[in-house]
Amino acid sequence: MCSSFGNQFFTGDQIGAYIDLSHPNLVEIFFTLNGRILGCAFKAKREENSVFFPHIAVKNMRVRVDFGSHDSL
């Protein structure tokens, strides 16, 4: 865990979730709120041949997913 953080968000805000796999031995996950990077949420040792599966768990919300077709960062 990098550090505790959290920002309040409201209806209409856009939350982004990103995984940085650019380091051979480290995985870093970070979030954005309306395009602003909130900082590192998690760091973990990257195991050899690691596989990652994105998940979304919500209740009473509408979700739109973009797996890289728009350059938002």
Protein backbone atom coordinates (compact mmCIF):
# COMPACT_ATOMS: atom_id res chain seq x y z
CA MET A 1 0.00 0.00 0.00
CA CYS A 2 1.43 3.40 -0.94
CA SER A 3 -0.60 5.59 1.40
CA SER A 4 -4.15 6.24 2.45
CA PHE A 5 -6.05 8.62 0.26
CA GLY A 6 -9.56 9.32 -0.82
CA ASN A 7 -11.46 12.11 -2.45
CA GLN A 8 -15.17 12.66 -2.30
CA PHE A 9 -16.89 12.22 -5.65
CA PHE A 10 -20.37 13.05 -6.89
CA THR A 11 -22.86 12.14 -9.60
CA GLY A 12 -21.34 12.91 -12.99
CA ASP A 13 -17.72 12.63 -11.84
CA GLN A 14 -15.43 10.39 -13.88
CA ILE A 15 -13.30 7.85 -12.03
CA GLY A 16 -10.37 6.30 -13.87
CA ALA A 17 -8.48 3.18 -12.79
CA TYR A 18 -5.05 2.42 -14.22
CA ILE A 19 -2.39 -0.26 -13.85
CA ASP A 20 1.24 0.52 -14.61
CA LEU A 21 3.07 -2.55 -15.89
CA SER A 22 6.11 -0.67 -17.21
CA HIS A 23 8.42 -1.90 -14.41
CA PRO A 24 9.64 -5.50 -14.71
CA ASN A 25 9.36 -6.26 -10.96
CA LEU A 26 6.62 -3.89 -9.78
CA VAL A 27 2.91 -3.31 -10.41
CA GLU A 28 1.39 0.05 -9.52
CA ILE A 29 -2.32 0.85 -9.49
CA PHE A 30 -3.58 4.43 -9.44
CA PHE A 31 -6.86 6.29 -9.88
CA THR A 32 -8.02 9.56 -11.39
CA LEU A 33 -10.95 11.79 -10.54
CA ASN A 34 -12.16 13.90 -13.46
CA GLY A 35 -8.80 13.46 -15.18
CA ARG A 36 -6.69 14.42 -12.15
CA ILE A 37 -4.30 11.74 -10.91
CA LEU A 38 -4.99 10.98 -7.24
CA GLY A 39 -1.72 9.15 -6.66
CA CYS A 40 -0.64 5.61 -6.06
CA ALA A 41 -3.25 3.36 -4.47
CA PHE A 42 -1.32 0.07 -4.46
CA LYS A 43 2.16 -1.21 -5.22
CA ALA A 44 2.93 -4.90 -5.41
CA LYS A 45 5.77 -7.16 -6.43
CA ARG A 46 5.25 -8.33 -9.98
CA GLU A 47 5.46 -12.09 -10.25
CA GLU A 48 6.81 -13.75 -13.39
CA ASN A 49 4.06 -14.42 -15.98
CA SER A 50 1.51 -12.37 -13.98
CA VAL A 51 -1.96 -12.03 -15.47
CA PHE A 52 -4.42 -9.28 -14.52
CA PHE A 53 -8.20 -9.34 -14.93
CA PRO A 54 -10.11 -6.05 -14.60
CA HIS A 55 -13.24 -6.12 -12.44
CA ILE A 56 -16.02 -3.65 -11.76
CA ALA A 57 -18.39 -4.07 -8.82
CA VAL A 58 -21.14 -1.47 -8.41
CA LYS A 59 -24.70 -1.22 -7.19
CA ASN A 60 -27.35 1.10 -8.64
CA MET A 61 -24.89 2.81 -10.99
CA ARG A 62 -24.29 3.15 -14.67
CA VAL A 63 -20.77 2.36 -15.88
CA ARG A 64 -18.99 3.16 -19.14
CA VAL A 65 -15.71 1.36 -19.78
CA ASP A 66 -12.86 2.49 -22.05
CA PHE A 67 -9.98 0.04 -22.45
CA GLY A 68 -7.71 2.53 -24.17
CA SER A 69 -9.60 3.75 -27.23
CA HIS A 70 -9.38 7.35 -25.90
CA ASP A 71 -6.11 8.97 -24.79
CA SER A 72 -7.27 10.43 -21.49
CA LEU A 73 -3.84 10.49 -19.80
